[in-house]
């Protein structure tokens, strides 16, 4: 296990690395273990973001980008990588697979109030025409 680190002063993302070898077939996805737990402080969120070089060179990216890690999550952090490339991609133990951006949450959540019967309706996904 490698602790997340910043490659260069001023970088926003901490590098996340794989703890084991995994192979991702073309069009497939896999959970990549990092061996890390309890990364995010209270009143913060961790966002698991893709590595641009991995995407540009191999078509491999984070499937649910950005993945959200809540402060209370104490399980192992795993990165869901998807291979959009034409050939299989092998992740080796120690490879950088994603980056973690940790942001402080503003106090806005205390002010949120539930809304009953909003004007947009309750159509769910795509209800705004997306």
C-alpha atoms as a PDB file:
ATOM      1  CA  UNK A   1       0.000   0.000   0.000  1.00  0.00           C
ATOM      2  CA  UNK A   2       1.260   3.452  -0.921  1.00  0.00           C
ATOM      3  CA  UNK A   3      -0.046   6.487   0.916  1.00  0.00           C
ATOM      4  CA  UNK A   4      -1.556   9.038  -1.465  1.00  0.00           C
ATOM      5  CA  UNK A   5       0.855  11.816  -2.276  1.00  0.00           C
ATOM      6  CA  UNK A   6       1.075  14.960  -4.339  1.00  0.00           C
ATOM      7  CA  UNK A   7       3.532  14.626  -7.233  1.00  0.00           C
ATOM      8  CA  UNK A   8       4.247  18.360  -7.547  1.00  0.00           C
ATOM      9  CA  UNK A   9       3.810  21.344  -5.233  1.00  0.00           C
ATOM     10  CA  UNK A  10       0.485  22.991  -5.962  1.00  0.00           C
ATOM     11  CA  UNK A  11      -1.191  19.866  -7.418  1.00  0.00           C
ATOM     12  CA  UNK A  12      -4.848  19.453  -6.464  1.00  0.00           C
ATOM     13  CA  UNK A  13      -4.962  15.652  -6.622  1.00  0.00           C
ATOM     14  CA  UNK A  14      -3.277  13.005  -4.506  1.00  0.00           C
ATOM     15  CA  UNK A  15      -2.163   9.960  -6.482  1.00  0.00           C
ATOM     16  CA  UNK A  16      -3.997   6.690  -5.688  1.00  0.00           C
ATOM     17  CA  UNK A  17      -2.130   3.473  -6.498  1.00  0.00           C
ATOM     18  CA  UNK A  18      -3.190  -0.139  -7.047  1.00  0.00           C
ATOM     19  CA  UNK A  19      -2.208  -2.797  -4.512  1.00  0.00           C
ATOM     20  CA  UNK A  20      -2.546  -5.725  -6.892  1.00  0.00           C
ATOM     21  CA  UNK A  21      -2.351  -6.649 -10.551  1.00  0.00           C
ATOM     22  CA  UNK A  22      -5.663  -6.532 -12.429  1.00  0.00           C
ATOM     23  CA  UNK A  23      -6.528  -6.865 -16.109  1.00  0.00           C
ATOM     24  CA  UNK A  24      -9.300  -4.834 -17.713  1.00  0.00           C
ATOM     25  CA  UNK A  25     -10.660  -6.242 -20.991  1.00  0.00           C
ATOM     26  CA  UNK A  26     -11.783  -3.851 -23.740  1.00  0.00           C
ATOM     27  CA  UNK A  27     -15.195  -2.491 -22.752  1.00  0.00           C
ATOM     28  CA  UNK A  28     -14.867  -3.993 -19.271  1.00  0.00           C
ATOM     29  CA  UNK A  29     -14.438  -2.505 -15.832  1.00  0.00           C
ATOM     30  CA  UNK A  30     -12.903  -3.653 -12.587  1.00  0.00           C
ATOM     31  CA  UNK A  31     -12.592  -2.568  -8.956  1.00  0.00           C
ATOM     32  CA  UNK A  32      -8.959  -1.726  -8.260  1.00  0.00           C
ATOM     33  CA  UNK A  33      -8.012  -1.972  -4.569  1.00  0.00           C
ATOM     34  CA  UNK A  34      -5.815   0.735  -3.042  1.00  0.00           C
ATOM     35  CA  UNK A  35      -5.428  -0.665   0.488  1.00  0.00           C
ATOM     36  CA  UNK A  36      -6.437   2.722   1.925  1.00  0.00           C
ATOM     37  CA  UNK A  37      -9.052   3.417   4.612  1.00  0.00           C
ATOM     38  CA  UNK A  38     -10.334   6.504   6.483  1.00  0.00           C
ATOM     39  CA  UNK A  39      -8.870   9.091   4.116  1.00  0.00           C
ATOM     40  CA  UNK A  40     -11.399  11.902   4.409  1.00  0.00           C
ATOM     41  CA  UNK A  41     -11.707  14.207   7.437  1.00  0.00           C
ATOM     42  CA  UNK A  42     -15.089  15.201   8.884  1.00  0.00           C
ATOM     43  CA  UNK A  43     -16.881  17.969   6.948  1.00  0.00           C
ATOM     44  CA  UNK A  44     -14.899  17.081   3.810  1.00  0.00           C
ATOM     45  CA  UNK A  45     -15.511  14.953   0.718  1.00  0.00           C
ATOM     46  CA  UNK A  46     -13.024  12.953  -1.308  1.00  0.00           C
ATOM     47  CA  UNK A  47     -13.514  12.967  -5.076  1.00  0.00           C
ATOM     48  CA  UNK A  48     -11.877  10.119  -6.998  1.00  0.00           C
ATOM     49  CA  UNK A  49     -10.960  11.567 -10.385  1.00  0.00           C
ATOM     50  CA  UNK A  50      -9.419  10.096 -13.538  1.00  0.00           C
ATOM     51  CA  UNK A  51      -5.779  10.478 -14.518  1.00  0.00           C
ATOM     52  CA  UNK A  52      -5.685  12.335 -17.824  1.00  0.00           C
ATOM     53  CA  UNK A  53      -2.599  10.471 -19.097  1.00  0.00           C
ATOM     54  CA  UNK A  54      -4.187   7.076 -18.477  1.00  0.00           C
ATOM     55  CA  UNK A  55      -7.274   8.167 -20.406  1.00  0.00           C
ATOM     56  CA  UNK A  56      -5.354   9.803 -23.262  1.00  0.00           C
ATOM     57  CA  UNK A  57      -2.854   6.967 -23.776  1.00  0.00           C
ATOM     58  CA  UNK A  58      -4.987   3.899 -23.050  1.00  0.00           C
ATOM     59  CA  UNK A  59      -8.678   4.908 -22.971  1.00  0.00           C
ATOM     60  CA  UNK A  60      -8.846   3.920 -19.286  1.00  0.00           C
ATOM     61  CA  UNK A  61     -10.742   6.153 -16.882  1.00  0.00           C
ATOM     62  CA  UNK A  62     -12.768   6.172 -13.653  1.00  0.00           C
ATOM     63  CA  UNK A  63     -16.228   4.766 -14.447  1.00  0.00           C
ATOM     64  CA  UNK A  64     -18.213   6.805 -11.906  1.00  0.00           C
ATOM     65  CA  UNK A  65     -16.081   9.945 -12.127  1.00  0.00           C
ATOM     66  CA  UNK A  66     -15.898  11.568  -9.803  1.00  0.00           C
ATOM     67  CA  UNK A  67     -16.388   8.825  -7.254  1.00  0.00           C
ATOM     68  CA  UNK A  68     -17.444  10.195  -3.870  1.00  0.00           C
ATOM     69  CA  UNK A  69     -15.815   9.167  -0.600  1.00  0.00           C
ATOM     70  CA  UNK A  70     -17.731  10.409   2.429  1.00  0.00           C
ATOM     71  CA  UNK A  71     -15.918  11.275   5.646  1.00  0.00           C
ATOM     72  CA  UNK A  72     -17.670   8.439   7.478  1.00  0.00           C
ATOM     73  CA  UNK A  73     -16.617   5.749   4.991  1.00  0.00           C
ATOM     74  CA  UNK A  74     -14.164   3.367   6.648  1.00  0.00           C
ATOM     75  CA  UNK A  75     -14.031   0.550   4.097  1.00  0.00           C
ATOM     76  CA  UNK A  76     -11.197   0.095   1.634  1.00  0.00           C
ATOM     77  CA  UNK A  77     -11.055   2.703  -1.116  1.00  0.00           C
ATOM     78  CA  UNK A  78     -11.390   0.979  -4.480  1.00  0.00           C
ATOM     79  CA  UNK A  79     -11.323   2.692  -7.845  1.00  0.00           C
ATOM     80  CA  UNK A  80     -13.718   1.552 -10.590  1.00  0.00           C
ATOM     81  CA  UNK A  81     -11.691   1.684 -13.793  1.00  0.00           C
ATOM     82  CA  UNK A  82     -13.247   1.172 -17.228  1.00  0.00           C
ATOM     83  CA  UNK A  83     -11.344   0.366 -20.392  1.00  0.00           C
ATOM     84  CA  UNK A  84     -12.694   2.246 -23.417  1.00  0.00           C
ATOM     85  CA  UNK A  85      -9.662   1.133 -25.444  1.00  0.00           C
ATOM     86  CA  UNK A  86      -9.453  -1.560 -28.115  1.00  0.00           C
ATOM     87  CA  UNK A  87      -7.065  -3.864 -26.224  1.00  0.00           C
ATOM     88  CA  UNK A  88      -6.828  -5.198 -22.690  1.00  0.00           C
ATOM     89  CA  UNK A  89      -5.116  -3.011 -20.125  1.00  0.00           C
ATOM     90  CA  UNK A  90      -3.061  -4.398 -17.253  1.00  0.00           C
ATOM     91  CA  UNK A  91      -2.761  -2.475 -13.997  1.00  0.00           C
ATOM     92  CA  UNK A  92       0.292  -3.523 -11.995  1.00  0.00           C
ATOM     93  CA  UNK A  93       0.599  -3.229  -8.205  1.00  0.00           C
ATOM     94  CA  UNK A  94       2.015   0.233  -7.521  1.00  0.00           C
ATOM     95  CA  UNK A  95       0.573   1.834 -10.675  1.00  0.00           C
ATOM     96  CA  UNK A  96      -1.118   5.204 -10.273  1.00  0.00           C
ATOM     97  CA  UNK A  97      -4.786   4.620 -11.167  1.00  0.00           C
ATOM     98  CA  UNK A  98      -6.646   7.772 -10.112  1.00  0.00           C
ATOM     99  CA  UNK A  99      -6.299  10.939  -8.113  1.00  0.00           C
ATOM    100  CA  UNK A 100      -8.067  11.974  -4.945  1.00  0.00           C
ATOM    101  CA  UNK A 101      -9.196  15.570  -4.498  1.00  0.00           C
ATOM    102  CA  UNK A 102     -10.307  16.404  -0.948  1.00  0.00           C
ATOM    103  CA  UNK A 103     -12.630  19.390  -0.550  1.00  0.00           C
ATOM    104  CA  UNK A 104     -14.085  21.048   2.524  1.00  0.00           C
ATOM    105  CA  UNK A 105     -17.877  21.058   2.576  1.00  0.00           C
ATOM    106  CA  UNK A 106     -19.568  24.392   3.238  1.00  0.00           C
ATOM    107  CA  UNK A 107     -22.161  24.625   6.004  1.00  0.00           C
ATOM    108  CA  UNK A 108     -24.997  24.710   3.457  1.00  0.00           C
ATOM    109  CA  UNK A 109     -26.280  21.259   4.340  1.00  0.00           C
ATOM    110  CA  UNK A 110     -27.658  22.423   7.673  1.00  0.00           C
ATOM    111  CA  UNK A 111     -29.835  24.955   5.816  1.00  0.00           C
ATOM    112  CA  UNK A 112     -31.378  22.516   3.327  1.00  0.00           C
ATOM    113  CA  UNK A 113     -35.091  21.879   3.696  1.00  0.00           C
ATOM    114  CA  UNK A 114     -37.044  19.131   1.942  1.00  0.00           C
ATOM    115  CA  UNK A 115     -39.213  20.347  -0.937  1.00  0.00           C
ATOM    116  CA  UNK A 116     -42.619  18.763  -1.471  1.00  0.00           C
ATOM    117  CA  UNK A 117     -43.971  18.393  -5.028  1.00  0.00           C
ATOM    118  CA  UNK A 118     -41.432  20.527  -6.852  1.00  0.00           C
ATOM    119  CA  UNK A 119     -42.450  22.427  -9.971  1.00  0.00           C
ATOM    120  CA  UNK A 120     -40.331  20.167 -12.192  1.00  0.00           C
ATOM    121  CA  UNK A 121     -42.246  17.052 -11.214  1.00  0.00           C
ATOM    122  CA  UNK A 122     -40.842  13.797  -9.965  1.00  0.00           C
ATOM    123  CA  UNK A 123     -39.675  12.176 -13.188  1.00  0.00           C
ATOM    124  CA  UNK A 124     -36.267  11.206 -11.814  1.00  0.00           C
ATOM    125  CA  UNK A 125     -33.346  10.746 -14.213  1.00  0.00           C
ATOM    126  CA  UNK A 126     -33.686  12.922 -17.274  1.00  0.00           C
ATOM    127  CA  UNK A 127     -36.687  14.776 -15.816  1.00  0.00           C
ATOM    128  CA  UNK A 128     -35.192  18.111 -16.924  1.00  0.00           C
ATOM    129  CA  UNK A 129     -34.814  16.897 -20.485  1.00  0.00           C
ATOM    130  CA  UNK A 130     -31.229  15.678 -20.171  1.00  0.00           C
END
